Amino acid sequence: MSLQEKFDAAVEIIQKLPKTGPVSTTNEQKLTFYSLFKQATIGDVNTDRPGIFSIIERKKWDSWKELEGTSQDDAKQRYIKALNDMFDKIAEELDVAAWLEQIDPVIKTNLALIGK
């Protein structure tokens, strides 16, 4: 399986995570996934920094800007690693296998594709 296919599977997992329940992303994790996604799919920041009153957009932009110079392939690998690390931490507190039986089956399939 190619890096692009693993990355696409990881992105789909994040997009399909339930909005509520025992498994969710923190704001910091959301920022990490956002910035790595942007770097992996676009490359270095190509827009002006949002204004001071656009607090959330500015945080997102700053997080992406911190990755400047990171290759797109490296960003894809880091995105996958961040997802794996997130599920490793979740597994310390939750029966992930049982949880996976209750949600979108694509998440379980894609976790297997990325090596979880």
N, C-alpha and C. Protein backbone atom coordinates (compact mmCIF):
# COMPACT_ATOMS: atom_id res chain seq x y z
N MET A 1 0.84 -1.18 0.00
CA MET A 1 0.00 0.00 0.00
C MET A 1 0.88 1.24 0.00
N SER A 2 0.56 2.19 -0.85
CA SER A 2 1.38 3.39 -0.97
C SER A 2 1.14 4.35 0.20
N LEU A 3 2.08 5.27 0.35
CA LEU A 3 1.93 6.30 1.38
C LEU A 3 0.67 7.11 1.14
N GLN A 4 0.38 7.45 -0.11
CA GLN A 4 -0.82 8.23 -0.42
C GLN A 4 -2.08 7.48 -0.01
N GLU A 5 -2.13 6.17 -0.27
CA GLU A 5 -3.31 5.38 0.10
C GLU A 5 -3.48 5.32 1.62
N LYS A 6 -2.37 5.17 2.35
CA LYS A 6 -2.43 5.17 3.82
C LYS A 6 -2.88 6.53 4.34
N PHE A 7 -2.35 7.58 3.74
CA PHE A 7 -2.73 8.94 4.14
C PHE A 7 -4.22 9.16 3.90
N ASP A 8 -4.70 8.78 2.73
CA ASP A 8 -6.12 8.94 2.41
C ASP A 8 -7.00 8.17 3.40
N ALA A 9 -6.56 6.97 3.79
CA ALA A 9 -7.30 6.17 4.77
C ALA A 9 -7.32 6.88 6.13
N ALA A 10 -6.18 7.44 6.53
CA ALA A 10 -6.09 8.15 7.81
C ALA A 10 -6.98 9.39 7.82
N VAL A 11 -6.98 10.13 6.72
CA VAL A 11 -7.83 11.33 6.62
C VAL A 11 -9.30 10.93 6.74
N GLU A 12 -9.68 9.85 6.09
CA GLU A 12 -11.08 9.42 6.15
C GLU A 12 -11.46 9.02 7.57
N ILE A 13 -10.54 8.42 8.30
CA ILE A 13 -10.82 8.07 9.70
C ILE A 13 -11.15 9.33 10.50
N ILE A 14 -10.28 10.33 10.38
CA ILE A 14 -10.49 11.57 11.13
C ILE A 14 -11.82 12.21 10.73
N GLN A 15 -12.13 12.21 9.46
CA GLN A 15 -13.36 12.83 8.99
C GLN A 15 -14.61 12.08 9.46
N LYS A 16 -14.49 10.77 9.68
CA LYS A 16 -15.65 9.96 10.05
C LYS A 16 -15.78 9.71 11.55
N LEU A 17 -14.83 10.21 12.35
CA LEU A 17 -14.97 10.04 13.79
C LEU A 17 -16.26 10.68 14.26
N PRO A 18 -16.99 9.99 15.15
CA PRO A 18 -18.22 10.59 15.67
C PRO A 18 -17.92 11.91 16.39
N LYS A 19 -18.85 12.83 16.29
CA LYS A 19 -18.68 14.14 16.93
C LYS A 19 -18.79 14.04 18.45
N THR A 20 -19.50 13.02 18.93
CA THR A 20 -19.64 12.80 20.37
C THR A 20 -19.30 11.36 20.68
N GLY A 21 -19.06 11.09 21.93
CA GLY A 21 -18.75 9.73 22.35
C GLY A 21 -17.37 9.64 22.97
N PRO A 22 -16.93 8.42 23.22
CA PRO A 22 -15.68 8.22 23.96
C PRO A 22 -14.41 8.56 23.16
N VAL A 23 -14.51 8.60 21.84
CA VAL A 23 -13.34 8.89 21.01
C VAL A 23 -13.60 10.18 20.24
N SER A 24 -12.84 11.20 20.59
CA SER A 24 -12.93 12.46 19.88
C SER A 24 -11.56 13.13 19.92
N THR A 25 -11.39 14.11 19.08
CA THR A 25 -10.11 14.81 19.04
C THR A 25 -10.17 16.07 19.89
N THR A 26 -9.06 16.36 20.55
CA THR A 26 -8.94 17.60 21.31
C THR A 26 -8.71 18.75 20.32
N ASN A 27 -8.83 19.96 20.80
CA ASN A 27 -8.55 21.11 19.94
C ASN A 27 -7.11 21.08 19.43
N GLU A 28 -6.19 20.67 20.31
CA GLU A 28 -4.78 20.59 19.91
C GLU A 28 -4.58 19.52 18.83
N GLN A 29 -5.25 18.38 18.98
CA GLN A 29 -5.16 17.35 17.96
C GLN A 29 -5.77 17.82 16.64
N LYS A 30 -6.89 18.51 16.73
CA LYS A 30 -7.52 19.04 15.51
C LYS A 30 -6.57 19.98 14.78
N LEU A 31 -5.87 20.81 15.53
CA LEU A 31 -4.91 21.73 14.95
C LEU A 31 -3.76 20.97 14.29
N THR A 32 -3.29 19.93 14.95
CA THR A 32 -2.21 19.10 14.40
C THR A 32 -2.66 18.44 13.10
N PHE A 33 -3.83 17.80 13.12
CA PHE A 33 -4.32 17.14 11.91
C PHE A 33 -4.56 18.15 10.79
N TYR A 34 -5.10 19.31 11.14
CA TYR A 34 -5.35 20.34 10.13
C TYR A 34 -4.05 20.77 9.46
N SER A 35 -3.06 21.13 10.27
CA SER A 35 -1.82 21.66 9.71
C SER A 35 -1.07 20.60 8.90
N LEU A 36 -1.05 19.37 9.40
CA LEU A 36 -0.39 18.29 8.65
C LEU A 36 -1.13 18.00 7.35
N PHE A 37 -2.46 18.05 7.39
CA PHE A 37 -3.25 17.84 6.17
C PHE A 37 -2.92 18.92 5.13
N LYS A 38 -2.92 20.17 5.57
CA LYS A 38 -2.63 21.27 4.64
C LYS A 38 -1.22 21.14 4.05
N GLN A 39 -0.25 20.81 4.91
CA GLN A 39 1.13 20.68 4.43
C GLN A 39 1.25 19.49 3.47
N ALA A 40 0.53 18.41 3.77
CA ALA A 40 0.60 17.20 2.93
C ALA A 40 -0.09 17.39 1.59
N THR A 41 -1.13 18.20 1.56
CA THR A 41 -1.90 18.32 0.33
C THR A 41 -1.56 19.56 -0.49
N ILE A 42 -1.09 20.62 0.17
CA ILE A 42 -0.80 21.88 -0.53
C ILE A 42 0.70 22.18 -0.51
N GLY A 43 1.34 21.89 0.61
CA GLY A 43 2.74 22.28 0.80
C GLY A 43 2.79 23.50 1.71
N ASP A 44 3.81 24.30 1.55
CA ASP A 44 3.98 25.47 2.40
C ASP A 44 2.82 26.45 2.27
N VAL A 45 2.58 27.21 3.34
CA VAL A 45 1.51 28.20 3.38
C VAL A 45 1.58 29.09 2.14
N ASN A 46 0.43 29.28 1.52
CA ASN A 46 0.38 30.08 0.29
C ASN A 46 -0.64 31.22 0.39
N THR A 47 -0.99 31.58 1.61
CA THR A 47 -1.96 32.65 1.83
C THR A 47 -1.41 33.63 2.87
N ASP A 48 -2.01 34.79 2.94
CA ASP A 48 -1.63 35.76 3.95
C ASP A 48 -2.18 35.33 5.30
N ARG A 49 -1.50 35.75 6.35
CA ARG A 49 -1.95 35.44 7.71
C ARG A 49 -3.27 36.17 7.97
N PRO A 50 -4.26 35.44 8.50
CA PRO A 50 -5.55 36.08 8.82
C PRO A 50 -5.38 37.22 9.83
N GLY A 51 -6.33 38.13 9.82
CA GLY A 51 -6.29 39.29 10.71
C GLY A 51 -6.43 38.90 12.17
N ILE A 52 -6.11 39.84 13.02
CA ILE A 52 -6.08 39.62 14.46
C ILE A 52 -7.45 39.24 15.03
N PHE A 53 -8.52 39.62 14.38
CA PHE A 53 -9.85 39.30 14.88
C PHE A 53 -10.35 37.92 14.45
N SER A 54 -9.61 37.27 13.56
CA SER A 54 -9.94 35.91 13.11
C SER A 54 -9.08 34.93 13.91
N ILE A 55 -9.41 34.80 15.18
CA ILE A 55 -8.56 34.07 16.11
C ILE A 55 -8.36 32.61 15.70
N ILE A 56 -9.42 31.91 15.39
CA ILE A 56 -9.31 30.49 15.04
C ILE A 56 -8.55 30.31 13.73
N GLU A 57 -8.90 31.10 12.73
CA GLU A 57 -8.21 30.99 11.44
C GLU A 57 -6.72 31.33 11.59
N ARG A 58 -6.44 32.27 12.45
CA ARG A 58 -5.04 32.67 12.69
C ARG A 58 -4.26 31.53 13.35
N LYS A 59 -4.87 30.86 14.34
CA LYS A 59 -4.22 29.72 15.00
C LYS A 59 -3.95 28.60 14.00
N LYS A 60 -4.93 28.34 13.14
CA LYS A 60 -4.77 27.31 12.11
C LYS A 60 -3.63 27.67 11.16
N TRP A 61 -3.62 28.92 10.73
CA TRP A 61 -2.58 29.39 9.81
C TRP A 61 -1.21 29.29 10.47
N ASP A 62 -1.09 29.73 11.72
CA ASP A 62 0.18 29.67 12.45
C ASP A 62 0.67 28.23 12.59
N SER A 63 -0.25 27.32 12.88
CA SER A 63 0.11 25.92 13.03
C SER A 63 0.64 25.36 11.70
N TRP A 64 -0.01 25.71 10.62
CA TRP A 64 0.44 25.27 9.30
C TRP A 64 1.79 25.90 8.97
N LYS A 65 1.95 27.17 9.26
CA LYS A 65 3.19 27.91 8.97
C LYS A 65 4.39 27.26 9.68
N GLU A 66 4.16 26.72 10.88
CA GLU A 66 5.24 26.06 11.62
C GLU A 66 5.82 24.86 10.87
N LEU A 67 5.05 24.32 9.94
CA LEU A 67 5.50 23.15 9.18
C LEU A 67 6.23 23.54 7.89
N GLU A 68 6.39 24.82 7.67
CA GLU A 68 7.03 25.29 6.44
C GLU A 68 8.37 24.57 6.24
N GLY A 69 8.57 24.09 5.02
CA GLY A 69 9.80 23.36 4.71
C GLY A 69 9.67 21.86 4.87
N THR A 70 8.61 21.40 5.52
CA THR A 70 8.36 19.97 5.67
C THR A 70 7.85 19.43 4.34
N SER A 71 8.43 18.33 3.90
CA SER A 71 7.99 17.76 2.62
C SER A 71 6.56 17.22 2.75
N GLN A 72 5.88 17.14 1.63
CA GLN A 72 4.51 16.63 1.65
C GLN A 72 4.49 15.18 2.12
N ASP A 73 5.45 14.38 1.70
CA ASP A 73 5.49 12.98 2.14
C ASP A 73 5.74 12.89 3.64
N ASP A 74 6.63 13.72 4.17
CA ASP A 74 6.88 13.71 5.60
C ASP A 74 5.62 14.12 6.37
N ALA A 75 4.91 15.10 5.87
CA ALA A 75 3.66 15.53 6.52
C ALA A 75 2.64 14.39 6.51
N LYS A 76 2.56 13.65 5.43
CA LYS A 76 1.64 12.50 5.36
C LYS A 76 2.03 11.45 6.39
N GLN A 77 3.32 11.16 6.49
CA GLN A 77 3.78 10.17 7.48
C GLN A 77 3.49 10.64 8.90
N ARG A 78 3.69 11.92 9.16
CA ARG A 78 3.43 12.47 10.49
C ARG A 78 1.94 12.46 10.82
N TYR A 79 1.10 12.68 9.83
CA TYR A 79 -0.35 12.62 10.02
C TYR A 79 -0.75 11.21 10.44
N ILE A 80 -0.25 10.22 9.73
CA ILE A 80 -0.56 8.82 10.04
C ILE A 80 -0.04 8.47 11.43
N LYS A 81 1.17 8.91 11.75
CA LYS A 81 1.74 8.63 13.08
C LYS A 81 0.90 9.30 14.17
N ALA A 82 0.47 10.53 13.94
CA ALA A 82 -0.35 11.23 14.94
C ALA A 82 -1.65 10.47 15.18
N LEU A 83 -2.24 9.94 14.12
CA LEU A 83 -3.47 9.15 14.26
C LEU A 83 -3.20 7.86 15.03
N ASN A 84 -2.13 7.17 14.68
CA ASN A 84 -1.77 5.94 15.40
C ASN A 84 -1.51 6.22 16.88
N ASP A 85 -0.78 7.30 17.16
CA ASP A 85 -0.50 7.67 18.55
C ASP A 85 -1.79 7.98 19.30
N MET A 86 -2.71 8.65 18.63
CA MET A 86 -4.00 8.98 19.25
C MET A 86 -4.74 7.69 19.64
N PHE A 87 -4.77 6.72 18.73
CA PHE A 87 -5.46 5.47 19.03
C PHE A 87 -4.72 4.63 20.07
N ASP A 88 -3.40 4.71 20.12
CA ASP A 88 -2.64 4.03 21.18
C ASP A 88 -3.06 4.57 22.54
N LYS A 89 -3.18 5.89 22.63
CA LYS A 89 -3.59 6.52 23.90
C LYS A 89 -5.03 6.15 24.24
N ILE A 90 -5.91 6.14 23.26
CA ILE A 90 -7.31 5.78 23.48
C ILE A 90 -7.41 4.35 23.99
N ALA A 91 -6.57 3.46 23.44
CA ALA A 91 -6.60 2.04 23.82
C ALA A 91 -6.24 1.82 25.28
N GLU A 92 -5.57 2.78 25.90
CA GLU A 92 -5.24 2.67 27.32
C GLU A 92 -6.48 2.82 28.21
N GLU A 93 -7.51 3.46 27.67
CA GLU A 93 -8.70 3.76 28.47
C GLU A 93 -9.99 3.14 27.95
N LEU A 94 -9.94 2.54 26.76
CA LEU A 94 -11.16 2.10 26.11
C LEU A 94 -10.91 0.80 25.35
N ASP A 95 -11.91 -0.05 25.32
CA ASP A 95 -11.85 -1.25 24.50
C ASP A 95 -12.15 -0.82 23.06
N VAL A 96 -11.09 -0.55 22.31
CA VAL A 96 -11.23 -0.01 20.96
C VAL A 96 -11.96 -0.99 20.05
N ALA A 97 -11.67 -2.27 20.18
CA ALA A 97 -12.31 -3.28 19.32
C ALA A 97 -13.84 -3.24 19.50
N ALA A 98 -14.30 -3.15 20.73
CA ALA A 98 -15.74 -3.09 20.98
C ALA A 98 -16.32 -1.77 20.44
N TRP A 99 -15.59 -0.68 20.62
CA TRP A 99 -16.04 0.62 20.13
C TRP A 99 -16.17 0.61 18.60
N LEU A 100 -15.20 -0.02 17.94
CA LEU A 100 -15.21 -0.07 16.48
C LEU A 100 -16.42 -0.81 15.92
N GLU A 101 -16.97 -1.73 16.70
CA GLU A 101 -18.14 -2.48 16.24
C GLU A 101 -19.41 -1.62 16.24
N GLN A 102 -19.36 -0.49 16.93
CA GLN A 102 -20.55 0.36 17.08
C GLN A 102 -20.57 1.56 16.14
N ILE A 103 -19.53 1.76 15.37
CA ILE A 103 -19.45 2.96 14.54
C ILE A 103 -19.29 2.61 13.07
N ASP A 104 -19.08 3.61 12.26
CA ASP A 104 -18.91 3.44 10.81
C ASP A 104 -17.82 2.40 10.53
N PRO A 105 -18.15 1.32 9.80
CA PRO A 105 -17.19 0.26 9.54
C PRO A 105 -15.97 0.72 8.73
N VAL A 106 -16.08 1.83 8.06
CA VAL A 106 -14.94 2.36 7.30
C VAL A 106 -13.77 2.68 8.23
N ILE A 107 -14.07 3.14 9.43
CA ILE A 107 -13.01 3.47 10.39
C ILE A 107 -12.21 2.22 10.72
N LYS A 108 -12.88 1.12 11.02
CA LYS A 108 -12.19 -0.14 11.34
C LYS A 108 -11.36 -0.62 10.15
N THR A 109 -11.93 -0.58 8.97
CA THR A 109 -11.23 -1.01 7.75
C THR A 109 -9.99 -0.16 7.52
N ASN A 110 -10.16 1.15 7.66
CA ASN A 110 -9.03 2.05 7.40
C ASN A 110 -7.95 1.96 8.46
N LEU A 111 -8.32 1.71 9.70
CA LEU A 111 -7.32 1.50 10.75
C LEU A 111 -6.45 0.30 10.41
N ALA A 112 -7.06 -0.74 9.89
CA ALA A 112 -6.30 -1.93 9.47
C ALA A 112 -5.35 -1.57 8.32
N LEU A 113 -5.80 -0.72 7.40
CA LEU A 113 -4.99 -0.33 6.27
C LEU A 113 -3.74 0.44 6.68
N ILE A 114 -3.85 1.21 7.75
CA ILE A 114 -2.68 2.00 8.18
C ILE A 114 -1.86 1.28 9.26
N GLY A 115 -2.25 0.05 9.55
CA GLY A 115 -1.42 -0.75 10.46
C GLY A 115 -1.85 -0.76 11.90
N LYS A 116 -3.08 -0.42 12.18
CA LYS A 116 -3.60 -0.46 13.55
C LYS A 116 -4.40 -1.69 13.75
